[in-house]
PDB file of N, CA and C in Angstrom:
ATOM      1  N   MET A   1     -24.057 -27.807  85.492  1.00  0.00           N
ATOM      2  CA  MET A   1     -25.336 -27.734  84.798  1.00  0.00           C
ATOM      3  C   MET A   1     -26.365 -27.130  85.740  1.00  0.00           C
ATOM      4  N   SER A   2     -27.113 -26.170  85.254  1.00  0.00           N
ATOM      5  CA  SER A   2     -28.106 -25.525  86.111  1.00  0.00           C
ATOM      6  C   SER A   2     -29.349 -26.384  86.233  1.00  0.00           C
ATOM      7  N   ASP A   3     -30.105 -26.168  87.303  1.00  0.00           N
ATOM      8  CA  ASP A   3     -31.365 -26.878  87.495  1.00  0.00           C
ATOM      9  C   ASP A   3     -32.353 -26.556  86.394  1.00  0.00           C
ATOM     10  N   ALA A   4     -32.332 -25.328  85.882  1.00  0.00           N
ATOM     11  CA  ALA A   4     -33.253 -24.933  84.828  1.00  0.00           C
ATOM     12  C   ALA A   4     -33.071 -25.828  83.602  1.00  0.00           C
ATOM     13  N   TYR A   5     -31.840 -26.130  83.281  1.00  0.00           N
ATOM     14  CA  TYR A   5     -31.585 -26.969  82.111  1.00  0.00           C
ATOM     15  C   TYR A   5     -32.072 -28.389  82.367  1.00  0.00           C
ATOM     16  N   VAL A   6     -31.850 -28.872  83.572  1.00  0.00           N
ATOM     17  CA  VAL A   6     -32.230 -30.228  83.921  1.00  0.00           C
ATOM     18  C   VAL A   6     -33.743 -30.412  83.847  1.00  0.00           C
ATOM     19  N   VAL A   7     -34.510 -29.402  84.220  1.00  0.00           N
ATOM     20  CA  VAL A   7     -35.965 -29.537  84.207  1.00  0.00           C
ATOM     21  C   VAL A   7     -36.565 -29.171  82.854  1.00  0.00           C
ATOM     22  N   GLY A   8     -35.777 -28.973  81.854  1.00  0.00           N
ATOM     23  CA  GLY A   8     -36.297 -28.819  80.513  1.00  0.00           C
ATOM     24  C   GLY A   8     -36.256 -27.425  79.923  1.00  0.00           C
ATOM     25  N   ASP A   9     -35.697 -26.451  80.607  1.00  0.00           N
ATOM     26  CA  ASP A   9     -35.581 -25.122  80.041  1.00  0.00           C
ATOM     27  C   ASP A   9     -34.382 -25.139  79.092  1.00  0.00           C
ATOM     28  N   PRO A  10     -34.608 -25.089  77.784  1.00  0.00           N
ATOM     29  CA  PRO A  10     -33.510 -25.311  76.841  1.00  0.00           C
ATOM     30  C   PRO A  10     -32.427 -24.245  76.859  1.00  0.00           C
ATOM     31  N   ASP A  11     -32.755 -23.022  77.247  1.00  0.00           N
ATOM     32  CA  ASP A  11     -31.703 -22.000  77.247  1.00  0.00           C
ATOM     33  C   ASP A  11     -30.919 -21.981  78.549  1.00  0.00           C
ATOM     34  N   GLY A  12     -31.385 -22.687  79.561  1.00  0.00           N
ATOM     35  CA  GLY A  12     -30.653 -22.797  80.817  1.00  0.00           C
ATOM     36  C   GLY A  12     -30.616 -21.523  81.631  1.00  0.00           C
ATOM     37  N   LEU A  13     -31.488 -20.570  81.345  1.00  0.00           N
ATOM     38  CA  LEU A  13     -31.488 -19.304  82.072  1.00  0.00           C
ATOM     39  C   LEU A  13     -32.482 -19.360  83.227  1.00  0.00           C
ATOM     40  N   SER A  14     -32.147 -18.646  84.274  1.00  0.00           N
ATOM     41  CA  SER A  14     -33.098 -18.500  85.373  1.00  0.00           C
ATOM     42  C   SER A  14     -34.245 -17.614  84.889  1.00  0.00           C
ATOM     43  N   PRO A  15     -35.365 -17.619  85.593  1.00  0.00           N
ATOM     44  CA  PRO A  15     -36.465 -16.729  85.191  1.00  0.00           C
ATOM     45  C   PRO A  15     -36.042 -15.258  85.122  1.00  0.00           C
ATOM     46  N   LEU A  16     -35.209 -14.803  86.069  1.00  0.00           N
ATOM     47  CA  LEU A  16     -34.733 -13.424  86.047  1.00  0.00           C
ATOM     48  C   LEU A  16     -33.872 -13.168  84.815  1.00  0.00           C
ATOM     49  N   GLN A  17     -32.959 -14.077  84.522  1.00  0.00           N
ATOM     50  CA  GLN A  17     -32.112 -13.911  83.343  1.00  0.00           C
ATOM     51  C   GLN A  17     -32.944 -13.898  82.061  1.00  0.00           C
ATOM     52  N   ALA A  18     -33.945 -14.744  81.976  1.00  0.00           N
ATOM     53  CA  ALA A  18     -34.806 -14.771  80.795  1.00  0.00           C
ATOM     54  C   ALA A  18     -35.584 -13.465  80.666  1.00  0.00           C
ATOM     55  N   GLU A  19     -36.044 -12.921  81.791  1.00  0.00           N
ATOM     56  CA  GLU A  19     -36.773 -11.658  81.764  1.00  0.00           C
ATOM     57  C   GLU A  19     -35.871 -10.509  81.316  1.00  0.00           C
ATOM     58  N   ILE A  20     -34.632 -10.507  81.804  1.00  0.00           N
ATOM     59  CA  ILE A  20     -33.669  -9.479  81.383  1.00  0.00           C
ATOM     60  C   ILE A  20     -33.342  -9.638  79.906  1.00  0.00           C
ATOM     61  N   ARG A  21     -33.116 -10.862  79.451  1.00  0.00           N
ATOM     62  CA  ARG A  21     -32.841 -11.105  78.030  1.00  0.00           C
ATOM     63  C   ARG A  21     -33.971 -10.576  77.156  1.00  0.00           C
ATOM     64  N   ASP A  22     -35.211 -10.867  77.571  1.00  0.00           N
ATOM     65  CA  ASP A  22     -36.362 -10.418  76.797  1.00  0.00           C
ATOM     66  C   ASP A  22     -36.470  -8.889  76.783  1.00  0.00           C
ATOM     67  N   ALA A  23     -36.190  -8.254  77.924  1.00  0.00           N
ATOM     68  CA  ALA A  23     -36.247  -6.791  77.993  1.00  0.00           C
ATOM     69  C   ALA A  23     -35.184  -6.162  77.093  1.00  0.00           C
ATOM     70  N   VAL A  24     -33.986  -6.732  77.088  1.00  0.00           N
ATOM     71  CA  VAL A  24     -32.912  -6.214  76.227  1.00  0.00           C
ATOM     72  C   VAL A  24     -33.302  -6.386  74.761  1.00  0.00           C
ATOM     73  N   ALA A  25     -33.836  -7.537  74.417  1.00  0.00           N
ATOM     74  CA  ALA A  25     -34.237  -7.777  73.030  1.00  0.00           C
ATOM     75  C   ALA A  25     -35.345  -6.812  72.606  1.00  0.00           C
ATOM     76  N   LYS A  26     -36.319  -6.578  73.470  1.00  0.00           N
ATOM     77  CA  LYS A  26     -37.407  -5.656  73.143  1.00  0.00           C
ATOM     78  C   LYS A  26     -36.892  -4.231  72.943  1.00  0.00           C
ATOM     79  N   GLU A  27     -35.979  -3.811  73.813  1.00  0.00           N
ATOM     80  CA  GLU A  27     -35.453  -2.452  73.675  1.00  0.00           C
ATOM     81  C   GLU A  27     -34.597  -2.322  72.429  1.00  0.00           C
ATOM     82  N   LEU A  28     -33.771  -3.319  72.135  1.00  0.00           N
ATOM     83  CA  LEU A  28     -32.979  -3.267  70.899  1.00  0.00           C
ATOM     84  C   LEU A  28     -33.886  -3.228  69.676  1.00  0.00           C
ATOM     85  N   HIS A  29     -34.943  -4.010  69.697  1.00  0.00           N
ATOM     86  CA  HIS A  29     -35.897  -3.997  68.585  1.00  0.00           C
ATOM     87  C   HIS A  29     -36.521  -2.615  68.426  1.00  0.00           C
ATOM     88  N   ALA A  30     -36.926  -2.011  69.542  1.00  0.00           N
ATOM     89  CA  ALA A  30     -37.533  -0.676  69.499  1.00  0.00           C
ATOM     90  C   ALA A  30     -36.536   0.366  68.992  1.00  0.00           C
ATOM     91  N   GLN A  31     -35.314   0.296  69.469  1.00  0.00           N
ATOM     92  CA  GLN A  31     -34.302   1.262  69.051  1.00  0.00           C
ATOM     93  C   GLN A  31     -33.999   1.125  67.561  1.00  0.00           C
ATOM     94  N   LEU A  32     -33.887  -0.111  67.091  1.00  0.00           N
ATOM     95  CA  LEU A  32     -33.618  -0.314  65.663  1.00  0.00           C
ATOM     96  C   LEU A  32     -34.782   0.171  64.814  1.00  0.00           C
ATOM     97  N   ALA A  33     -36.001  -0.044  65.274  1.00  0.00           N
ATOM     98  CA  ALA A  33     -37.167   0.426  64.526  1.00  0.00           C
ATOM     99  C   ALA A  33     -37.179   1.953  64.449  1.00  0.00           C
ATOM    100  N   MET A  34     -36.819   2.619  65.549  1.00  0.00           N
ATOM    101  CA  MET A  34     -36.796   4.085  65.560  1.00  0.00           C
ATOM    102  C   MET A  34     -35.685   4.640  64.669  1.00  0.00           C
ATOM    103  N   ARG A  35     -34.653   3.859  64.459  1.00  0.00           N
ATOM    104  CA  ARG A  35     -33.469   4.354  63.752  1.00  0.00           C
ATOM    105  C   ARG A  35     -33.315   3.712  62.370  1.00  0.00           C
ATOM    106  N   ALA A  36     -34.429   3.264  61.793  1.00  0.00           N
ATOM    107  CA  ALA A  36     -34.439   2.668  60.453  1.00  0.00           C
ATOM    108  C   ALA A  36     -33.469   1.485  60.347  1.00  0.00           C
ATOM    109  N   ASP A  37     -33.505   0.603  61.336  1.00  0.00           N
ATOM    110  CA  ASP A  37     -32.693  -0.626  61.359  1.00  0.00           C
ATOM    111  C   ASP A  37     -31.191  -0.380  61.276  1.00  0.00           C
ATOM    112  N   ARG A  38     -30.753   0.749  61.817  1.00  0.00           N
ATOM    113  CA  ARG A  38     -29.324   1.054  61.787  1.00  0.00           C
ATOM    114  C   ARG A  38     -28.938   1.775  63.068  1.00  0.00           C
ATOM    115  N   LEU A  39     -27.903   1.272  63.717  1.00  0.00           N
ATOM    116  CA  LEU A  39     -27.358   1.941  64.898  1.00  0.00           C
ATOM    117  C   LEU A  39     -25.990   2.492  64.550  1.00  0.00           C
ATOM    118  N   ASP A  40     -25.857   3.787  64.681  1.00  0.00           N
ATOM    119  CA  ASP A  40     -24.555   4.414  64.506  1.00  0.00           C
ATOM    120  C   ASP A  40     -23.805   4.336  65.822  1.00  0.00           C
ATOM    121  N   LEU A  41     -22.517   4.407  65.736  1.00  0.00           N
ATOM    122  CA  LEU A  41     -21.688   4.362  66.936  1.00  0.00           C
ATOM    123  C   LEU A  41     -22.090   5.461  67.922  1.00  0.00           C
ATOM    124  N   ALA A  42     -22.449   6.608  67.417  1.00  0.00           N
ATOM    125  CA  ALA A  42     -22.853   7.725  68.280  1.00  0.00           C
ATOM    126  C   ALA A  42     -24.163   7.436  69.016  1.00  0.00           C
ATOM    127  N   ASP A  43     -24.961   6.480  68.515  1.00  0.00           N
ATOM    128  CA  ASP A  43     -26.234   6.133  69.147  1.00  0.00           C
ATOM    129  C   ASP A  43     -26.072   5.181  70.325  1.00  0.00           C
ATOM    130  N   LEU A  44     -24.950   4.512  70.423  1.00  0.00           N
ATOM    131  CA  LEU A  44     -24.797   3.460  71.429  1.00  0.00           C
ATOM    132  C   LEU A  44     -24.972   3.923  72.876  1.00  0.00           C
ATOM    133  N   PRO A  45     -24.469   5.094  73.276  1.00  0.00           N
ATOM    134  CA  PRO A  45     -24.716   5.507  74.669  1.00  0.00           C
ATOM    135  C   PRO A  45     -26.212   5.644  74.987  1.00  0.00           C
ATOM    136  N   GLU A  46     -26.994   6.188  74.077  1.00  0.00           N
ATOM    137  CA  GLU A  46     -28.435   6.319  74.311  1.00  0.00           C
ATOM    138  C   GLU A  46     -29.120   4.960  74.329  1.00  0.00           C
ATOM    139  N   VAL A  47     -28.724   4.070  73.438  1.00  0.00           N
ATOM    140  CA  VAL A  47     -29.294   2.729  73.414  1.00  0.00           C
ATOM    141  C   VAL A  47     -28.960   2.002  74.710  1.00  0.00           C
ATOM    142  N   ALA A  48     -27.721   2.084  75.141  1.00  0.00           N
ATOM    143  CA  ALA A  48     -27.312   1.447  76.395  1.00  0.00           C
ATOM    144  C   ALA A  48     -28.091   2.019  77.571  1.00  0.00           C
ATOM    145  N   TYR A  49     -28.314   3.321  77.578  1.00  0.00           N
ATOM    146  CA  TYR A  49     -29.083   3.967  78.643  1.00  0.00           C
ATOM    147  C   TYR A  49     -30.513   3.430  78.679  1.00  0.00           C
ATOM    148  N   GLN A  50     -31.151   3.321  77.516  1.00  0.00           N
ATOM    149  CA  GLN A  50     -32.521   2.834  77.459  1.00  0.00           C
ATOM    150  C   GLN A  50     -32.612   1.375  77.906  1.00  0.00           C
ATOM    151  N   ILE A  51     -31.631   0.572  77.537  1.00  0.00           N
ATOM    152  CA  ILE A  51     -31.601  -0.823  77.983  1.00  0.00           C
ATOM    153  C   ILE A  51     -31.434  -0.873  79.495  1.00  0.00           C
ATOM    154  N   THR A  52     -30.571  -0.029  80.029  1.00  0.00           N
ATOM    155  CA  THR A  52     -30.360   0.030  81.474  1.00  0.00           C
ATOM    156  C   THR A  52     -31.649   0.374  82.199  1.00  0.00           C
ATOM    157  N   LEU A  53     -32.427   1.300  81.649  1.00  0.00           N
ATOM    158  CA  LEU A  53     -33.712   1.648  82.267  1.00  0.00           C
ATOM    159  C   LEU A  53     -34.659   0.454  82.293  1.00  0.00           C
ATOM    160  N   ARG A  54     -34.693  -0.307  81.207  1.00  0.00           N
ATOM    161  CA  ARG A  54     -35.557  -1.500  81.170  1.00  0.00           C
ATOM    162  C   ARG A  54     -35.123  -2.527  82.204  1.00  0.00           C
ATOM    163  N   VAL A  55     -33.825  -2.783  82.285  1.00  0.00           N
ATOM    164  CA  VAL A  55     -33.325  -3.764  83.254  1.00  0.00           C
ATOM    165  C   VAL A  55     -33.571  -3.272  84.676  1.00  0.00           C
ATOM    166  N   ASP A  56     -33.371  -1.993  84.925  1.00  0.00           N
ATOM    167  CA  ASP A  56     -33.629  -1.431  86.245  1.00  0.00           C
ATOM    168  C   ASP A  56     -35.106  -1.595  86.613  1.00  0.00           C
ATOM    169  N   GLY A  57     -35.992  -1.422  85.641  1.00  0.00           N
ATOM    170  CA  GLY A  57     -37.413  -1.622  85.899  1.00  0.00           C
ATOM    171  C   GLY A  57     -37.720  -3.040  86.340  1.00  0.00           C
ATOM    172  N   ILE A  58     -37.042  -4.006  85.749  1.00  0.00           N
ATOM    173  CA  ILE A  58     -37.229  -5.406  86.139  1.00  0.00           C
ATOM    174  C   ILE A  58     -36.694  -5.639  87.542  1.00  0.00           C
ATOM    175  N   LEU A  59     -35.487  -5.168  87.795  1.00  0.00           N
ATOM    176  CA  LEU A  59     -34.855  -5.412  89.095  1.00  0.00           C
ATOM    177  C   LEU A  59     -35.558  -4.682  90.227  1.00  0.00           C
ATOM    178  N   SER A  60     -36.118  -3.520  89.961  1.00  0.00           N
ATOM    179  CA  SER A  60     -36.777  -2.766  91.031  1.00  0.00           C
ATOM    180  C   SER A  60     -38.133  -3.368  91.394  1.00  0.00           C
ATOM    181  N   ARG A  61     -38.696  -4.216  90.537  1.00  0.00           N
ATOM    182  CA  ARG A  61     -39.954  -4.893  90.854  1.00  0.00           C
ATOM    183  C   ARG A  61     -39.741  -6.103  91.741  1.00  0.00           C
ATOM    184  N   ARG A  62     -38.524  -6.582  91.834  1.00  0.00           N
ATOM    185  CA  ARG A  62     -38.239  -7.804  92.587  1.00  0.00           C
ATOM    186  C   ARG A  62     -37.761  -7.468  93.995  1.00  0.00           C
ATOM    187  N   PRO A  63     -38.134  -8.303  94.941  1.00  0.00           N
ATOM    188  CA  PRO A  63     -37.614  -8.079  96.301  1.00  0.00           C
ATOM    189  C   PRO A  63     -36.115  -8.357  96.340  1.00  0.00           C
ATOM    190  N   PRO A  64     -35.390  -7.661  97.210  1.00  0.00           N
ATOM    191  CA  PRO A  64     -33.941  -7.900  97.299  1.00  0.00           C
ATOM    192  C   PRO A  64     -33.662  -9.335  97.713  1.00  0.00           C
ATOM    193  N   ARG A  65     -32.568  -9.875  97.202  1.00  0.00           N
ATOM    194  CA  ARG A  65     -32.158 -11.222  97.612  1.00  0.00           C
ATOM    195  C   ARG A  65     -31.671 -11.182  99.042  1.00  0.00           C
ATOM    196  N   ARG A  66     -31.773 -12.284  99.696  1.00  0.00           N
ATOM    197  CA  ARG A  66     -31.303 -12.377 101.069  1.00  0.00           C
ATOM    198  C   ARG A  66     -29.819 -12.050 101.137  1.00  0.00           C
ATOM    199  N   GLY A  67     -29.439 -11.234 102.092  1.00  0.00           N
ATOM    200  CA  GLY A  67     -28.043 -10.865 102.270  1.00  0.00           C
ATOM    201  C   GLY A  67     -27.595  -9.677 101.435  1.00  0.00           C
ATOM    202  N   THR A  68     -28.510  -9.075 100.671  1.00  0.00           N
ATOM    203  CA  THR A  68     -28.157  -7.896  99.897  1.00  0.00           C
ATOM    204  C   THR A  68     -29.063  -6.759 100.302  1.00  0.00           C
ATOM    205  N   THR A  69     -28.578  -5.563 100.111  1.00  0.00           N
ATOM    206  CA  THR A  69     -29.354  -4.376 100.416  1.00  0.00           C
ATOM    207  C   THR A  69     -29.479  -3.539  99.162  1.00  0.00           C
ATOM    208  N   ARG A  70     -30.683  -3.174  98.820  1.00  0.00           N
ATOM    209  CA  ARG A  70     -30.906  -2.328  97.657  1.00  0.00           C
ATOM    210  C   ARG A  70     -31.008  -0.889  98.152  1.00  0.00           C
ATOM    211  N   VAL A  71     -30.219  -0.026  97.576  1.00  0.00           N
ATOM    212  CA  VAL A  71     -30.226   1.377  97.955  1.00  0.00           C
ATOM    213  C   VAL A  71     -31.102   2.128  96.975  1.00  0.00           C
ATOM    214  N   SER A  72     -32.079   2.834  97.496  1.00  0.00           N
ATOM    215  CA  SER A  72     -32.973   3.617  96.644  1.00  0.00           C
ATOM    216  C   SER A  72     -32.312   4.934  96.297  1.00  0.00           C
ATOM    217  N   THR A  73     -32.399   5.293  95.016  1.00  0.00           N
ATOM    218  CA  THR A  73     -31.839   6.571  94.581  1.00  0.00           C
ATOM    219  C   THR A  73     -32.923   7.616  94.386  1.00  0.00           C
ATOM    220  N   SER A  74     -34.183   7.229  94.612  1.00  0.00           N
ATOM    221  CA  SER A  74     -35.258   8.198  94.444  1.00  0.00           C
ATOM    222  C   SER A  74     -35.399   9.044  95.698  1.00  0.00           C
ATOM    223  N   PRO A  75     -35.809  10.319  95.522  1.00  0.00           N
ATOM    224  CA  PRO A  75     -35.904  11.214  96.689  1.00  0.00           C
ATOM    225  C   PRO A  75     -37.044  10.855  97.605  1.00  0.00           C
TER     226      PRO A  75
END
């Protein structure tokens, strides 16, 4: 059992996990709205790419965890 659940967070997610969940939900909502509430199989790579960008935005705002190294891909 996670500490988050013990202290009353009903979904048991860490703050980072909750932020990622919310970002994925927001992007899926936006994609469905743009596509008239329908995702075709051919749309999935673009949707996945947009979700990845949102998650990357969250992770790049956070300092690296101890013992890990974040490699920058920007020039």
